[in-house]
Amino acid sequence: MKYPAKFTPDPDGGFVVTFRDIPEAITQGDDEAEALEMAADVLLSAMDFYVEDKRLVPMPSKAKKGERLIELPASAVVKVLLLNEMLQQRVRPADLARRLEMRPQDVNRIVDLRHATKIDTIDKALKALGRHLELSVV
C-alpha cells in the first residue's frame, strides 16, 4: 500500500507533509529527506488511530501530479487488510477468537500494528473470515 502525500514547502523552511486519504497524518521535516522519513512514520502512526477506533482504513488513491507515494510496511499492510475485513464483516475480536480457538487478547495482538505477528497467523485469521492472503513479488 502506497499512499499519495503532498510535500508543501514551508515558508519558514522545510516541508509540511499531508495525506489526502489519511487526513490524520500530518507531519513536517526540516529538509526533503527528513520529511520523507517523518511521512513514513506518521502514516504508520495514523493507522493506529484507525485500529484503536475500529474504523475502516481507506485504501490509497492514485497519486496526483506533484504527490509522492509513501509505502506502509508489509507487516502493517496485512494487518490493515485483516482489520478492514473484520470491520466489513462486523466480526469482533471475540468472535474471531472463537473461530480461531484462541483468547480475544491474542486476536487483539494480531491486529496490533506494533506487535510482531507471523504471516501464517494472519493468513489463518483471514481464512477464518472466508478470505485468504495472496502474496506476489513484482
N, C-alpha and C. Protein backbone atom coordinates (compact mmCIF):
# COMPACT_ATOMS: atom_id res chain seq x y z
N MET A 1 0.85 -1.17 0.00
CA MET A 1 0.00 0.00 0.00
C MET A 1 0.89 1.23 0.00
N LYS A 2 0.70 2.03 -1.02
CA LYS A 2 1.45 3.28 -1.13
C LYS A 2 0.46 4.42 -1.17
N TYR A 3 0.56 5.31 -0.18
CA TYR A 3 -0.35 6.43 -0.06
C TYR A 3 0.26 7.70 -0.64
N PRO A 4 -0.52 8.43 -1.44
CA PRO A 4 -0.01 9.68 -2.00
C PRO A 4 0.10 10.76 -0.92
N ALA A 5 1.22 11.46 -0.95
CA ALA A 5 1.47 12.52 0.03
C ALA A 5 1.87 13.79 -0.71
N LYS A 6 1.42 14.89 -0.17
CA LYS A 6 1.76 16.20 -0.73
C LYS A 6 2.83 16.83 0.16
N PHE A 7 3.93 17.22 -0.46
CA PHE A 7 5.03 17.87 0.25
C PHE A 7 4.95 19.37 -0.10
N THR A 8 4.53 20.16 0.87
CA THR A 8 4.37 21.59 0.65
C THR A 8 5.53 22.33 1.30
N PRO A 9 6.26 23.13 0.53
CA PRO A 9 7.35 23.90 1.13
C PRO A 9 6.79 24.84 2.22
N ASP A 10 7.47 24.85 3.34
CA ASP A 10 7.10 25.73 4.45
C ASP A 10 7.84 27.05 4.27
N PRO A 11 7.14 28.19 4.39
CA PRO A 11 7.82 29.49 4.23
C PRO A 11 8.98 29.68 5.21
N ASP A 12 8.92 29.00 6.35
CA ASP A 12 9.98 29.10 7.35
C ASP A 12 11.09 28.07 7.13
N GLY A 13 10.95 27.27 6.07
CA GLY A 13 11.94 26.24 5.76
C GLY A 13 11.37 24.85 5.95
N GLY A 14 11.87 23.94 5.18
CA GLY A 14 11.42 22.56 5.28
C GLY A 14 10.15 22.31 4.50
N PHE A 15 9.48 21.20 4.85
CA PHE A 15 8.28 20.77 4.13
C PHE A 15 7.21 20.30 5.12
N VAL A 16 5.97 20.60 4.79
CA VAL A 16 4.81 20.06 5.51
C VAL A 16 4.27 18.93 4.63
N VAL A 17 4.00 17.78 5.24
CA VAL A 17 3.53 16.62 4.51
C VAL A 17 2.10 16.27 4.95
N THR A 18 1.20 16.13 3.97
CA THR A 18 -0.18 15.75 4.25
C THR A 18 -0.58 14.60 3.32
N PHE A 19 -1.55 13.84 3.77
CA PHE A 19 -2.08 12.70 3.03
C PHE A 19 -3.58 12.92 2.84
N ARG A 20 -4.05 13.02 1.60
CA ARG A 20 -5.48 13.27 1.40
C ARG A 20 -6.33 12.07 1.77
N ASP A 21 -5.80 10.85 1.67
CA ASP A 21 -6.56 9.65 2.03
C ASP A 21 -6.60 9.43 3.54
N ILE A 22 -5.59 9.89 4.23
CA ILE A 22 -5.46 9.71 5.68
C ILE A 22 -5.27 11.11 6.28
N PRO A 23 -6.35 11.86 6.47
CA PRO A 23 -6.21 13.26 6.91
C PRO A 23 -5.57 13.44 8.28
N GLU A 24 -5.59 12.37 9.10
CA GLU A 24 -4.95 12.46 10.42
C GLU A 24 -3.43 12.52 10.33
N ALA A 25 -2.89 12.11 9.20
CA ALA A 25 -1.44 12.03 9.03
C ALA A 25 -0.90 13.35 8.49
N ILE A 26 -0.33 14.13 9.37
CA ILE A 26 0.28 15.41 9.01
C ILE A 26 1.62 15.49 9.75
N THR A 27 2.65 15.89 9.02
CA THR A 27 3.97 16.00 9.65
C THR A 27 4.79 17.04 8.90
N GLN A 28 6.00 17.19 9.33
CA GLN A 28 6.92 18.12 8.64
C GLN A 28 8.35 17.67 8.85
N GLY A 29 9.22 18.20 8.01
CA GLY A 29 10.64 17.91 8.12
C GLY A 29 11.44 19.14 7.73
N ASP A 30 12.62 19.26 8.29
CA ASP A 30 13.47 20.42 8.02
C ASP A 30 14.01 20.42 6.60
N ASP A 31 14.09 19.24 6.00
CA ASP A 31 14.53 19.13 4.61
C ASP A 31 13.76 17.96 3.97
N GLU A 32 13.98 17.73 2.70
CA GLU A 32 13.22 16.70 1.98
C GLU A 32 13.45 15.30 2.56
N ALA A 33 14.68 14.98 2.88
CA ALA A 33 14.99 13.65 3.42
C ALA A 33 14.30 13.43 4.76
N GLU A 34 14.34 14.42 5.63
CA GLU A 34 13.68 14.29 6.93
C GLU A 34 12.17 14.24 6.74
N ALA A 35 11.63 15.00 5.82
CA ALA A 35 10.19 14.99 5.57
C ALA A 35 9.74 13.61 5.08
N LEU A 36 10.53 12.97 4.23
CA LEU A 36 10.22 11.62 3.75
C LEU A 36 10.19 10.62 4.91
N GLU A 37 11.20 10.71 5.76
CA GLU A 37 11.29 9.82 6.92
C GLU A 37 10.11 10.04 7.87
N MET A 38 9.79 11.30 8.12
CA MET A 38 8.68 11.64 9.01
C MET A 38 7.34 11.22 8.40
N ALA A 39 7.23 11.30 7.08
CA ALA A 39 5.99 10.92 6.39
C ALA A 39 5.70 9.43 6.60
N ALA A 40 6.72 8.60 6.45
CA ALA A 40 6.55 7.16 6.65
C ALA A 40 6.14 6.86 8.09
N ASP A 41 6.73 7.57 9.03
CA ASP A 41 6.44 7.36 10.44
C ASP A 41 5.02 7.79 10.78
N VAL A 42 4.62 8.97 10.32
CA VAL A 42 3.28 9.47 10.66
C VAL A 42 2.19 8.65 9.98
N LEU A 43 2.46 8.13 8.79
CA LEU A 43 1.47 7.29 8.12
C LEU A 43 1.20 6.03 8.94
N LEU A 44 2.25 5.38 9.40
CA LEU A 44 2.08 4.19 10.23
C LEU A 44 1.39 4.54 11.55
N SER A 45 1.77 5.65 12.15
CA SER A 45 1.14 6.07 13.41
C SER A 45 -0.34 6.37 13.22
N ALA A 46 -0.70 6.96 12.09
CA ALA A 46 -2.11 7.27 11.83
C ALA A 46 -2.93 6.00 11.71
N MET A 47 -2.32 4.93 11.22
CA MET A 47 -3.04 3.65 11.11
C MET A 47 -3.47 3.16 12.49
N ASP A 48 -2.67 3.48 13.51
CA ASP A 48 -3.02 3.10 14.88
C ASP A 48 -4.36 3.72 15.29
N PHE A 49 -4.63 4.95 14.85
CA PHE A 49 -5.90 5.60 15.18
C PHE A 49 -7.08 4.78 14.64
N TYR A 50 -6.93 4.31 13.42
CA TYR A 50 -8.00 3.52 12.81
C TYR A 50 -8.21 2.20 13.56
N VAL A 51 -7.11 1.57 13.94
CA VAL A 51 -7.20 0.31 14.68
C VAL A 51 -7.87 0.55 16.02
N GLU A 52 -7.41 1.56 16.76
CA GLU A 52 -7.96 1.86 18.08
C GLU A 52 -9.44 2.22 18.01
N ASP A 53 -9.82 2.99 16.99
CA ASP A 53 -11.21 3.44 16.85
C ASP A 53 -12.08 2.43 16.11
N LYS A 54 -11.47 1.33 15.68
CA LYS A 54 -12.18 0.30 14.91
C LYS A 54 -12.91 0.92 13.72
N ARG A 55 -12.14 1.67 12.92
CA ARG A 55 -12.65 2.30 11.70
C ARG A 55 -11.96 1.68 10.49
N LEU A 56 -12.69 1.61 9.38
CA LEU A 56 -12.09 1.14 8.13
C LEU A 56 -10.95 2.05 7.73
N VAL A 57 -9.86 1.46 7.33
CA VAL A 57 -8.72 2.23 6.82
C VAL A 57 -8.96 2.47 5.33
N PRO A 58 -8.98 3.73 4.90
CA PRO A 58 -9.18 4.00 3.47
C PRO A 58 -8.02 3.42 2.65
N MET A 59 -8.37 2.85 1.51
CA MET A 59 -7.34 2.36 0.60
C MET A 59 -6.71 3.55 -0.11
N PRO A 60 -5.45 3.43 -0.49
CA PRO A 60 -4.77 4.56 -1.13
C PRO A 60 -5.36 4.84 -2.52
N SER A 61 -5.47 6.13 -2.81
CA SER A 61 -5.91 6.53 -4.14
C SER A 61 -4.69 6.71 -5.03
N LYS A 62 -4.93 6.93 -6.29
CA LYS A 62 -3.81 7.15 -7.22
C LYS A 62 -3.19 8.51 -6.94
N ALA A 63 -1.89 8.57 -7.10
CA ALA A 63 -1.18 9.82 -6.87
C ALA A 63 -1.54 10.82 -7.96
N LYS A 64 -1.66 12.06 -7.54
CA LYS A 64 -1.88 13.16 -8.47
C LYS A 64 -0.52 13.81 -8.75
N LYS A 65 -0.50 14.63 -9.76
CA LYS A 65 0.73 15.32 -10.13
C LYS A 65 1.30 16.06 -8.91
N GLY A 66 2.59 15.86 -8.69
CA GLY A 66 3.26 16.54 -7.59
C GLY A 66 3.24 15.78 -6.27
N GLU A 67 2.48 14.70 -6.18
CA GLU A 67 2.44 13.92 -4.95
C GLU A 67 3.49 12.81 -5.00
N ARG A 68 3.90 12.38 -3.83
CA ARG A 68 4.87 11.30 -3.71
C ARG A 68 4.19 10.14 -2.99
N LEU A 69 4.57 8.93 -3.34
CA LEU A 69 3.98 7.75 -2.71
C LEU A 69 4.80 7.32 -1.50
N ILE A 70 4.10 7.14 -0.39
CA ILE A 70 4.73 6.69 0.84
C ILE A 70 4.17 5.30 1.15
N GLU A 71 5.06 4.34 1.32
CA GLU A 71 4.68 2.95 1.47
C GLU A 71 4.56 2.54 2.93
N LEU A 72 3.50 1.81 3.23
CA LEU A 72 3.35 1.19 4.55
C LEU A 72 4.20 -0.07 4.59
N PRO A 73 4.77 -0.41 5.72
CA PRO A 73 5.50 -1.68 5.82
C PRO A 73 4.55 -2.85 5.55
N ALA A 74 5.06 -3.89 4.93
CA ALA A 74 4.24 -5.05 4.59
C ALA A 74 3.56 -5.64 5.82
N SER A 75 4.24 -5.63 6.96
CA SER A 75 3.64 -6.17 8.18
C SER A 75 2.40 -5.39 8.58
N ALA A 76 2.39 -4.09 8.32
CA ALA A 76 1.22 -3.27 8.64
C ALA A 76 0.12 -3.46 7.59
N VAL A 77 0.51 -3.63 6.34
CA VAL A 77 -0.47 -3.80 5.27
C VAL A 77 -1.38 -5.00 5.55
N VAL A 78 -0.80 -6.14 5.87
CA VAL A 78 -1.62 -7.33 6.08
C VAL A 78 -2.54 -7.18 7.30
N LYS A 79 -2.08 -6.46 8.30
CA LYS A 79 -2.92 -6.22 9.48
C LYS A 79 -4.05 -5.25 9.16
N VAL A 80 -3.77 -4.24 8.35
CA VAL A 80 -4.81 -3.30 7.92
C VAL A 80 -5.87 -4.05 7.11
N LEU A 81 -5.44 -4.92 6.22
CA LEU A 81 -6.38 -5.69 5.41
C LEU A 81 -7.24 -6.60 6.30
N LEU A 82 -6.63 -7.22 7.29
CA LEU A 82 -7.37 -8.06 8.23
C LEU A 82 -8.37 -7.22 9.02
N LEU A 83 -7.93 -6.09 9.54
CA LEU A 83 -8.82 -5.21 10.30
C LEU A 83 -10.00 -4.79 9.44
N ASN A 84 -9.73 -4.35 8.22
CA ASN A 84 -10.81 -3.91 7.34
C ASN A 84 -11.80 -5.05 7.07
N GLU A 85 -11.29 -6.24 6.88
CA GLU A 85 -12.18 -7.39 6.64
C GLU A 85 -13.04 -7.67 7.86
N MET A 86 -12.46 -7.61 9.05
CA MET A 86 -13.22 -7.81 10.27
C MET A 86 -14.33 -6.77 10.39
N LEU A 87 -14.00 -5.51 10.10
CA LEU A 87 -14.99 -4.43 10.20
C LEU A 87 -16.09 -4.59 9.16
N GLN A 88 -15.71 -4.93 7.94
CA GLN A 88 -16.70 -5.10 6.88
C GLN A 88 -17.67 -6.24 7.18
N GLN A 89 -17.16 -7.30 7.80
CA GLN A 89 -18.00 -8.45 8.15
C GLN A 89 -18.64 -8.31 9.53
N ARG A 90 -18.30 -7.22 10.22
CA ARG A 90 -18.80 -6.97 11.58
C ARG A 90 -18.45 -8.12 12.54
N VAL A 91 -17.20 -8.54 12.42
CA VAL A 91 -16.67 -9.60 13.28
C VAL A 91 -15.80 -8.95 14.35
N ARG A 92 -16.21 -9.12 15.59
CA ARG A 92 -15.44 -8.56 16.71
C ARG A 92 -14.25 -9.47 17.02
N PRO A 93 -13.24 -8.92 17.70
CA PRO A 93 -12.11 -9.78 18.09
C PRO A 93 -12.55 -11.03 18.85
N ALA A 94 -13.55 -10.90 19.72
CA ALA A 94 -14.03 -12.07 20.48
C ALA A 94 -14.63 -13.12 19.54
N ASP A 95 -15.34 -12.66 18.51
CA ASP A 95 -15.93 -13.60 17.54
C ASP A 95 -14.83 -14.33 16.77
N LEU A 96 -13.83 -13.57 16.32
CA LEU A 96 -12.73 -14.18 15.58
C LEU A 96 -11.94 -15.13 16.48
N ALA A 97 -11.78 -14.75 17.74
CA ALA A 97 -11.08 -15.61 18.69
C ALA A 97 -11.76 -16.97 18.82
N ARG A 98 -13.09 -16.96 18.88
CA ARG A 98 -13.82 -18.23 18.96
C ARG A 98 -13.58 -19.07 17.71
N ARG A 99 -13.59 -18.43 16.54
CA ARG A 99 -13.36 -19.16 15.29
C ARG A 99 -11.96 -19.76 15.23
N LEU A 100 -11.01 -19.04 15.82
CA LEU A 100 -9.62 -19.49 15.80
C LEU A 100 -9.25 -20.33 17.02
N GLU A 101 -10.19 -20.46 17.95
CA GLU A 101 -9.96 -21.19 19.19
C GLU A 101 -8.76 -20.60 19.95
N MET A 102 -8.83 -19.28 20.13
CA MET A 102 -7.80 -18.59 20.91
C MET A 102 -8.47 -17.53 21.78
N ARG A 103 -7.69 -16.90 22.62
CA ARG A 103 -8.21 -15.87 23.51
C ARG A 103 -8.41 -14.56 22.75
N PRO A 104 -9.42 -13.75 23.12
CA PRO A 104 -9.64 -12.46 22.45
C PRO A 104 -8.41 -11.55 22.50
N GLN A 105 -7.65 -11.59 23.59
CA GLN A 105 -6.45 -10.73 23.66
C GLN A 105 -5.40 -11.15 22.63
N ASP A 106 -5.41 -12.43 22.26
CA ASP A 106 -4.48 -12.88 21.21
C ASP A 106 -4.88 -12.29 19.86
N VAL A 107 -6.18 -12.21 19.60
CA VAL A 107 -6.65 -11.59 18.36
C VAL A 107 -6.31 -10.09 18.38
N ASN A 108 -6.46 -9.45 19.52
CA ASN A 108 -6.10 -8.03 19.62
C ASN A 108 -4.63 -7.82 19.27
N ARG A 109 -3.77 -8.75 19.66
CA ARG A 109 -2.35 -8.65 19.32
C ARG A 109 -2.13 -8.82 17.82
N ILE A 110 -2.93 -9.69 17.19
CA ILE A 110 -2.78 -9.93 15.76
C ILE A 110 -3.01 -8.63 14.98
N VAL A 111 -3.99 -7.84 15.37
CA VAL A 111 -4.27 -6.59 14.64
C VAL A 111 -3.50 -5.39 15.17
N ASP A 112 -2.71 -5.59 16.23
CA ASP A 112 -1.87 -4.51 16.76
C ASP A 112 -0.71 -4.28 15.80
N LEU A 113 -0.63 -3.08 15.23
CA LEU A 113 0.39 -2.78 14.22
C LEU A 113 1.81 -2.82 14.78
N ARG A 114 1.96 -2.64 16.07
CA ARG A 114 3.29 -2.61 16.68
C ARG A 114 3.73 -3.98 17.19
N HIS A 115 2.85 -4.96 17.15
CA HIS A 115 3.17 -6.30 17.64
C HIS A 115 3.58 -7.18 16.46
N ALA A 116 4.68 -7.86 16.61
CA ALA A 116 5.15 -8.78 15.56
C ALA A 116 4.24 -10.00 15.51
N THR A 117 3.71 -10.28 14.34
CA THR A 117 2.82 -11.42 14.15
C THR A 117 3.28 -12.22 12.94
N LYS A 118 3.31 -13.52 13.08
CA LYS A 118 3.70 -14.36 11.95
C LYS A 118 2.66 -14.24 10.84
N ILE A 119 3.13 -14.21 9.62
CA ILE A 119 2.25 -14.08 8.46
C ILE A 119 1.26 -15.25 8.40
N ASP A 120 1.69 -16.44 8.84
CA ASP A 120 0.81 -17.60 8.85
C ASP A 120 -0.39 -17.38 9.79
N THR A 121 -0.16 -16.67 10.88
CA THR A 121 -1.24 -16.38 11.83
C THR A 121 -2.25 -15.44 11.20
N ILE A 122 -1.78 -14.45 10.48
CA ILE A 122 -2.68 -13.52 9.80
C ILE A 122 -3.46 -14.25 8.71
N ASP A 123 -2.79 -15.11 7.98
CA ASP A 123 -3.46 -15.90 6.94
C ASP A 123 -4.54 -16.78 7.56
N LYS A 124 -4.25 -17.39 8.69
CA LYS A 124 -5.23 -18.24 9.38
C LYS A 124 -6.44 -17.40 9.81
N ALA A 125 -6.19 -16.19 10.29
CA ALA A 125 -7.29 -15.30 10.70
C ALA A 125 -8.15 -14.91 9.49
N LEU A 126 -7.50 -14.60 8.38
CA LEU A 126 -8.24 -14.27 7.17
C LEU A 126 -9.07 -15.45 6.68
N LYS A 127 -8.51 -16.65 6.76
CA LYS A 127 -9.24 -17.86 6.35
C LYS A 127 -10.47 -18.07 7.24
N ALA A 128 -10.35 -17.74 8.51
CA ALA A 128 -11.49 -17.85 9.42
C ALA A 128 -12.60 -16.87 9.04
N LEU A 129 -12.24 -15.85 8.26
CA LEU A 129 -13.21 -14.87 7.76
C LEU A 129 -13.66 -15.20 6.34
N GLY A 130 -13.22 -16.36 5.84
CA GLY A 130 -13.60 -16.76 4.50
C GLY A 130 -12.77 -16.11 3.40
N ARG A 131 -11.64 -15.57 3.76
CA ARG A 131 -10.74 -14.91 2.81
C ARG A 131 -9.40 -15.64 2.85
N HIS A 132 -8.51 -15.27 1.96
CA HIS A 132 -7.15 -15.81 2.01
C HIS A 132 -6.17 -14.75 1.54
N LEU A 133 -4.97 -14.93 1.96
CA LEU A 133 -3.89 -13.99 1.66
C LEU A 133 -3.13 -14.46 0.44
N GLU A 134 -2.94 -13.58 -0.52
CA GLU A 134 -2.12 -13.88 -1.69
C GLU A 134 -0.94 -12.94 -1.71
N LEU A 135 0.23 -13.48 -1.92
CA LEU A 135 1.44 -12.67 -1.98
C LEU A 135 2.04 -12.79 -3.37
N SER A 136 2.72 -11.74 -3.79
CA SER A 136 3.43 -11.79 -5.06
C SER A 136 4.67 -10.92 -4.98
N VAL A 137 5.60 -11.22 -5.83
CA VAL A 137 6.82 -10.43 -5.92
C VAL A 137 6.80 -9.76 -7.28
N VAL A 138 6.96 -8.45 -7.30
CA VAL A 138 6.95 -7.71 -8.57
C VAL A 138 8.23 -6.94 -8.76
